Amino acid sequence: MKIPPESPSFSDEEMEAAAEALKWQAASARAAGAKHCARLVDQLGSQTADNQSDDDAPSPV
């Protein structure tokens, strides 16, 4: 019985193509993360502004 190699063998061209694809995927993931973070910051800013305007309103007596 032949034991399969631990990792498949790829040609240099295949490895370069995979490395390039991973670079693009990583950049895309970073951009998506930054966009999500900015959205959360905007939401937090909106909530803070809403809370401050609520604090300025007279309390019902």
PDB file of N, CA and C in Angstrom:
ATOM      1  N   MET A   1       0.840  -1.172   0.000  1.00  0.00           N
ATOM      2  CA  MET A   1       0.000   0.000   0.000  1.00  0.00           C
ATOM      3  C   MET A   1       0.893   1.246   0.000  1.00  0.00           C
ATOM      4  N   LYS A   2       0.561   2.162  -0.896  1.00  0.00           N
ATOM      5  CA  LYS A   2       1.349   3.382  -1.024  1.00  0.00           C
ATOM      6  C   LYS A   2       0.739   4.479  -0.146  1.00  0.00           C
ATOM      7  N   ILE A   3       1.573   5.158   0.616  1.00  0.00           N
ATOM      8  CA  ILE A   3       1.116   6.247   1.476  1.00  0.00           C
ATOM      9  C   ILE A   3       1.126   7.536   0.654  1.00  0.00           C
ATOM     10  N   PRO A   4       0.004   8.265   0.642  1.00  0.00           N
ATOM     11  CA  PRO A   4      -0.033   9.505  -0.140  1.00  0.00           C
ATOM     12  C   PRO A   4       0.871  10.570   0.482  1.00  0.00           C
ATOM     13  N   PRO A   5       1.384  11.462  -0.317  1.00  0.00           N
ATOM     14  CA  PRO A   5       2.237  12.524   0.243  1.00  0.00           C
ATOM     15  C   PRO A   5       1.422  13.433   1.167  1.00  0.00           C
ATOM     16  N   GLU A   6       2.113  14.071   2.102  1.00  0.00           N
ATOM     17  CA  GLU A   6       1.427  14.937   3.060  1.00  0.00           C
ATOM     18  C   GLU A   6       0.778  16.131   2.381  1.00  0.00           C
ATOM     19  N   SER A   7       1.416  16.639   1.361  1.00  0.00           N
ATOM     20  CA  SER A   7       0.839  17.772   0.645  1.00  0.00           C
ATOM     21  C   SER A   7       0.918  17.483  -0.851  1.00  0.00           C
ATOM     22  N   PRO A   8      -0.095  17.904  -1.569  1.00  0.00           N
ATOM     23  CA  PRO A   8      -0.069  17.680  -3.013  1.00  0.00           C
ATOM     24  C   PRO A   8       1.029  18.525  -3.652  1.00  0.00           C
ATOM     25  N   SER A   9       1.539  18.044  -4.748  1.00  0.00           N
ATOM     26  CA  SER A   9       2.575  18.815  -5.427  1.00  0.00           C
ATOM     27  C   SER A   9       1.930  19.693  -6.493  1.00  0.00           C
ATOM     28  N   PHE A  10       2.366  20.934  -6.545  1.00  0.00           N
ATOM     29  CA  PHE A  10       1.859  21.896  -7.503  1.00  0.00           C
ATOM     30  C   PHE A  10       3.011  22.396  -8.359  1.00  0.00           C
ATOM     31  N   SER A  11       2.671  22.829  -9.541  1.00  0.00           N
ATOM     32  CA  SER A  11       3.695  23.440 -10.387  1.00  0.00           C
ATOM     33  C   SER A  11       3.975  24.846  -9.857  1.00  0.00           C
ATOM     34  N   ASP A  12       5.092  25.412 -10.276  1.00  0.00           N
ATOM     35  CA  ASP A  12       5.427  26.771  -9.854  1.00  0.00           C
ATOM     36  C   ASP A  12       4.343  27.758 -10.283  1.00  0.00           C
ATOM     37  N   GLU A  13       3.803  27.568 -11.477  1.00  0.00           N
ATOM     38  CA  GLU A  13       2.758  28.466 -11.976  1.00  0.00           C
ATOM     39  C   GLU A  13       1.503  28.371 -11.111  1.00  0.00           C
ATOM     40  N   GLU A  14       1.147  27.147 -10.714  1.00  0.00           N
ATOM     41  CA  GLU A  14      -0.031  26.961  -9.865  1.00  0.00           C
ATOM     42  C   GLU A  14       0.175  27.604  -8.495  1.00  0.00           C
ATOM     43  N   MET A  15       1.384  27.463  -7.948  1.00  0.00           N
ATOM     44  CA  MET A  15       1.665  28.063  -6.643  1.00  0.00           C
ATOM     45  C   MET A  15       1.632  29.582  -6.729  1.00  0.00           C
ATOM     46  N   GLU A  16       2.173  30.146  -7.798  1.00  0.00           N
ATOM     47  CA  GLU A  16       2.149  31.600  -7.961  1.00  0.00           C
ATOM     48  C   GLU A  16       0.719  32.106  -8.117  1.00  0.00           C
ATOM     49  N   ALA A  17      -0.096  31.378  -8.876  1.00  0.00           N
ATOM     50  CA  ALA A  17      -1.494  31.773  -9.069  1.00  0.00           C
ATOM     51  C   ALA A  17      -2.253  31.702  -7.744  1.00  0.00           C
ATOM     52  N   ALA A  18      -1.993  30.656  -6.965  1.00  0.00           N
ATOM     53  CA  ALA A  18      -2.660  30.516  -5.667  1.00  0.00           C
ATOM     54  C   ALA A  18      -2.221  31.622  -4.713  1.00  0.00           C
ATOM     55  N   ALA A  19      -0.934  31.949  -4.718  1.00  0.00           N
ATOM     56  CA  ALA A  19      -0.431  33.016  -3.850  1.00  0.00           C
ATOM     57  C   ALA A  19      -1.061  34.352  -4.226  1.00  0.00           C
ATOM     58  N   GLU A  20      -1.181  34.615  -5.513  1.00  0.00           N
ATOM     59  CA  GLU A  20      -1.796  35.866  -5.971  1.00  0.00           C
ATOM     60  C   GLU A  20      -3.272  35.922  -5.567  1.00  0.00           C
ATOM     61  N   ALA A  21      -3.965  34.799  -5.721  1.00  0.00           N
ATOM     62  CA  ALA A  21      -5.380  34.748  -5.337  1.00  0.00           C
ATOM     63  C   ALA A  21      -5.539  34.980  -3.836  1.00  0.00           C
ATOM     64  N   LEU A  22      -4.640  34.409  -3.040  1.00  0.00           N
ATOM     65  CA  LEU A  22      -4.716  34.607  -1.592  1.00  0.00           C
ATOM     66  C   LEU A  22      -4.466  36.061  -1.211  1.00  0.00           C
ATOM     67  N   LYS A  23      -3.571  36.730  -1.936  1.00  0.00           N
ATOM     68  CA  LYS A  23      -3.331  38.149  -1.665  1.00  0.00           C
ATOM     69  C   LYS A  23      -4.609  38.953  -1.883  1.00  0.00           C
ATOM     70  N   TRP A  24      -5.294  38.664  -2.996  1.00  0.00           N
ATOM     71  CA  TRP A  24      -6.538  39.383  -3.300  1.00  0.00           C
ATOM     72  C   TRP A  24      -7.619  39.063  -2.276  1.00  0.00           C
ATOM     73  N   GLN A  25      -7.702  37.802  -1.857  1.00  0.00           N
ATOM     74  CA  GLN A  25      -8.705  37.421  -0.861  1.00  0.00           C
ATOM     75  C   GLN A  25      -8.429  38.097   0.476  1.00  0.00           C
ATOM     76  N   ALA A  26      -7.159  38.169   0.859  1.00  0.00           N
ATOM     77  CA  ALA A  26      -6.803  38.822   2.118  1.00  0.00           C
ATOM     78  C   ALA A  26      -7.122  40.314   2.057  1.00  0.00           C
ATOM     79  N   ALA A  27      -6.814  40.949   0.939  1.00  0.00           N
ATOM     80  CA  ALA A  27      -7.110  42.376   0.788  1.00  0.00           C
ATOM     81  C   ALA A  27      -8.616  42.619   0.843  1.00  0.00           C
ATOM     82  N   SER A  28      -9.371  41.746   0.213  1.00  0.00           N
ATOM     83  CA  SER A  28     -10.828  41.872   0.218  1.00  0.00           C
ATOM     84  C   SER A  28     -11.378  41.698   1.630  1.00  0.00           C
ATOM     85  N   ALA A  29     -10.837  40.739   2.361  1.00  0.00           N
ATOM     86  CA  ALA A  29     -11.289  40.503   3.734  1.00  0.00           C
ATOM     87  C   ALA A  29     -10.954  41.694   4.627  1.00  0.00           C
ATOM     88  N   ARG A  30      -9.766  42.285   4.448  1.00  0.00           N
ATOM     89  CA  ARG A  30      -9.401  43.466   5.236  1.00  0.00           C
ATOM     90  C   ARG A  30     -10.332  44.636   4.925  1.00  0.00           C
ATOM     91  N   ALA A  31     -10.646  44.818   3.649  1.00  0.00           N
ATOM     92  CA  ALA A  31     -11.545  45.907   3.255  1.00  0.00           C
ATOM     93  C   ALA A  31     -12.938  45.697   3.842  1.00  0.00           C
ATOM     94  N   ALA A  32     -13.420  44.468   3.812  1.00  0.00           N
ATOM     95  CA  ALA A  32     -14.740  44.174   4.376  1.00  0.00           C
ATOM     96  C   ALA A  32     -14.732  44.406   5.885  1.00  0.00           C
ATOM     97  N   GLY A  33     -13.657  44.024   6.547  1.00  0.00           N
ATOM     98  CA  GLY A  33     -13.545  44.247   7.987  1.00  0.00           C
ATOM     99  C   GLY A  33     -13.515  45.727   8.327  1.00  0.00           C
ATOM    100  N   ALA A  34     -12.785  46.508   7.542  1.00  0.00           N
ATOM    101  CA  ALA A  34     -12.718  47.952   7.776  1.00  0.00           C
ATOM    102  C   ALA A  34     -14.083  48.599   7.551  1.00  0.00           C
ATOM    103  N   LYS A  35     -14.790  48.154   6.522  1.00  0.00           N
ATOM    104  CA  LYS A  35     -16.122  48.699   6.239  1.00  0.00           C
ATOM    105  C   LYS A  35     -17.079  48.372   7.390  1.00  0.00           C
ATOM    106  N   HIS A  36     -17.009  47.150   7.884  1.00  0.00           N
ATOM    107  CA  HIS A  36     -17.869  46.736   8.993  1.00  0.00           C
ATOM    108  C   HIS A  36     -17.540  47.555  10.247  1.00  0.00           C
ATOM    109  N   CYS A  37     -16.262  47.746  10.507  1.00  0.00           N
ATOM    110  CA  CYS A  37     -15.836  48.523  11.674  1.00  0.00           C
ATOM    111  C   CYS A  37     -16.347  49.960  11.566  1.00  0.00           C
ATOM    112  N   ALA A  38     -16.234  50.559  10.389  1.00  0.00           N
ATOM    113  CA  ALA A  38     -16.716  51.929  10.190  1.00  0.00           C
ATOM    114  C   ALA A  38     -18.222  52.010  10.407  1.00  0.00           C
ATOM    115  N   ARG A  39     -18.941  50.994   9.952  1.00  0.00           N
ATOM    116  CA  ARG A  39     -20.391  50.964  10.136  1.00  0.00           C
ATOM    117  C   ARG A  39     -20.739  50.896  11.629  1.00  0.00           C
ATOM    118  N   LEU A  40     -19.999  50.082  12.380  1.00  0.00           N
ATOM    119  CA  LEU A  40     -20.248  49.980  13.820  1.00  0.00           C
ATOM    120  C   LEU A  40     -19.948  51.296  14.530  1.00  0.00           C
ATOM    121  N   VAL A  41     -18.869  51.967  14.119  1.00  0.00           N
ATOM    122  CA  VAL A  41     -18.522  53.256  14.717  1.00  0.00           C
ATOM    123  C   VAL A  41     -19.624  54.271  14.434  1.00  0.00           C
ATOM    124  N   ASP A  42     -20.144  54.274  13.202  1.00  0.00           N
ATOM    125  CA  ASP A  42     -21.243  55.182  12.859  1.00  0.00           C
ATOM    126  C   ASP A  42     -22.477  54.898  13.711  1.00  0.00           C
ATOM    127  N   GLN A  43     -22.788  53.623  13.888  1.00  0.00           N
ATOM    128  CA  GLN A  43     -23.954  53.261  14.700  1.00  0.00           C
ATOM    129  C   GLN A  43     -23.763  53.699  16.146  1.00  0.00           C
ATOM    130  N   LEU A  44     -22.568  53.495  16.659  1.00  0.00           N
ATOM    131  CA  LEU A  44     -22.290  53.892  18.037  1.00  0.00           C
ATOM    132  C   LEU A  44     -22.388  55.407  18.178  1.00  0.00           C
ATOM    133  N   GLY A  45     -21.884  56.138  17.192  1.00  0.00           N
ATOM    134  CA  GLY A  45     -21.987  57.596  17.219  1.00  0.00           C
ATOM    135  C   GLY A  45     -23.429  58.053  17.181  1.00  0.00           C
ATOM    136  N   SER A  46     -24.248  57.389  16.386  1.00  0.00           N
ATOM    137  CA  SER A  46     -25.671  57.738  16.311  1.00  0.00           C
ATOM    138  C   SER A  46     -26.360  57.472  17.639  1.00  0.00           C
ATOM    139  N   GLN A  47     -26.055  56.347  18.255  1.00  0.00           N
ATOM    140  CA  GLN A  47     -26.671  56.012  19.540  1.00  0.00           C
ATOM    141  C   GLN A  47     -26.241  57.006  20.613  1.00  0.00           C
ATOM    142  N   THR A  48     -24.978  57.401  20.586  1.00  0.00           N
ATOM    143  CA  THR A  48     -24.477  58.362  21.567  1.00  0.00           C
ATOM    144  C   THR A  48     -25.168  59.707  21.386  1.00  0.00           C
ATOM    145  N   ALA A  49     -25.332  60.131  20.136  1.00  0.00           N
ATOM    146  CA  ALA A  49     -26.015  61.399  19.862  1.00  0.00           C
ATOM    147  C   ALA A  49     -27.472  61.326  20.301  1.00  0.00           C
ATOM    148  N   ASP A  50     -28.121  60.196  20.054  1.00  0.00           N
ATOM    149  CA  ASP A  50     -29.514  60.023  20.483  1.00  0.00           C
ATOM    150  C   ASP A  50     -29.627  60.082  22.001  1.00  0.00           C
ATOM    151  N   ASN A  51     -28.691  59.444  22.678  1.00  0.00           N
ATOM    152  CA  ASN A  51     -28.723  59.438  24.143  1.00  0.00           C
ATOM    153  C   ASN A  51     -28.486  60.836  24.697  1.00  0.00           C
ATOM    154  N   GLN A  52     -27.600  61.597  24.065  1.00  0.00           N
ATOM    155  CA  GLN A  52     -27.340  62.955  24.531  1.00  0.00           C
ATOM    156  C   GLN A  52     -28.561  63.841  24.321  1.00  0.00           C
ATOM    157  N   SER A  53     -29.254  63.664  23.206  1.00  0.00           N
ATOM    158  CA  SER A  53     -30.451  64.475  22.971  1.00  0.00           C
ATOM    159  C   SER A  53     -31.557  64.078  23.949  1.00  0.00           C
ATOM    160  N   ASP A  54     -31.600  62.810  24.333  1.00  0.00           N
ATOM    161  CA  ASP A  54     -32.579  62.367  25.332  1.00  0.00           C
ATOM    162  C   ASP A  54     -32.267  62.973  26.696  1.00  0.00           C
ATOM    163  N   ASP A  55     -30.971  63.121  26.998  1.00  0.00           N
ATOM    164  CA  ASP A  55     -30.574  63.699  28.281  1.00  0.00           C
ATOM    165  C   ASP A  55     -30.944  65.180  28.354  1.00  0.00           C
ATOM    166  N   ASP A  56     -30.966  65.860  27.222  1.00  0.00           N
ATOM    167  CA  ASP A  56     -31.285  67.286  27.183  1.00  0.00           C
ATOM    168  C   ASP A  56     -32.781  67.542  27.336  1.00  0.00           C
ATOM    169  N   ALA A  57     -33.597  66.557  27.027  1.00  0.00           N
ATOM    170  CA  ALA A  57     -35.049  66.730  27.095  1.00  0.00           C
ATOM    171  C   ALA A  57     -35.484  66.785  28.557  1.00  0.00           C
ATOM    172  N   PRO A  58     -36.483  67.609  28.846  1.00  0.00           N
ATOM    173  CA  PRO A  58     -36.966  67.664  30.240  1.00  0.00           C
ATOM    174  C   PRO A  58     -37.627  66.345  30.630  1.00  0.00           C
ATOM    175  N   SER A  59     -37.414  65.954  31.858  1.00  0.00           N
ATOM    176  CA  SER A  59     -38.010  64.699  32.316  1.00  0.00           C
ATOM    177  C   SER A  59     -39.469  64.931  32.672  1.00  0.00           C
ATOM    178  N   PRO A  60     -40.340  63.991  32.319  1.00  0.00           N
ATOM    179  CA  PRO A  60     -41.760  64.153  32.653  1.00  0.00           C
ATOM    180  C   PRO A  60     -41.963  64.063  34.160  1.00  0.00           C
ATOM    181  N   VAL A  61     -42.753  64.968  34.699  1.00  0.00           N
ATOM    182  CA  VAL A  61     -42.981  64.998  36.152  1.00  0.00           C
ATOM    183  C   VAL A  61     -44.431  64.747  36.448  1.00  0.00           C
TER     184      VAL A  61
END
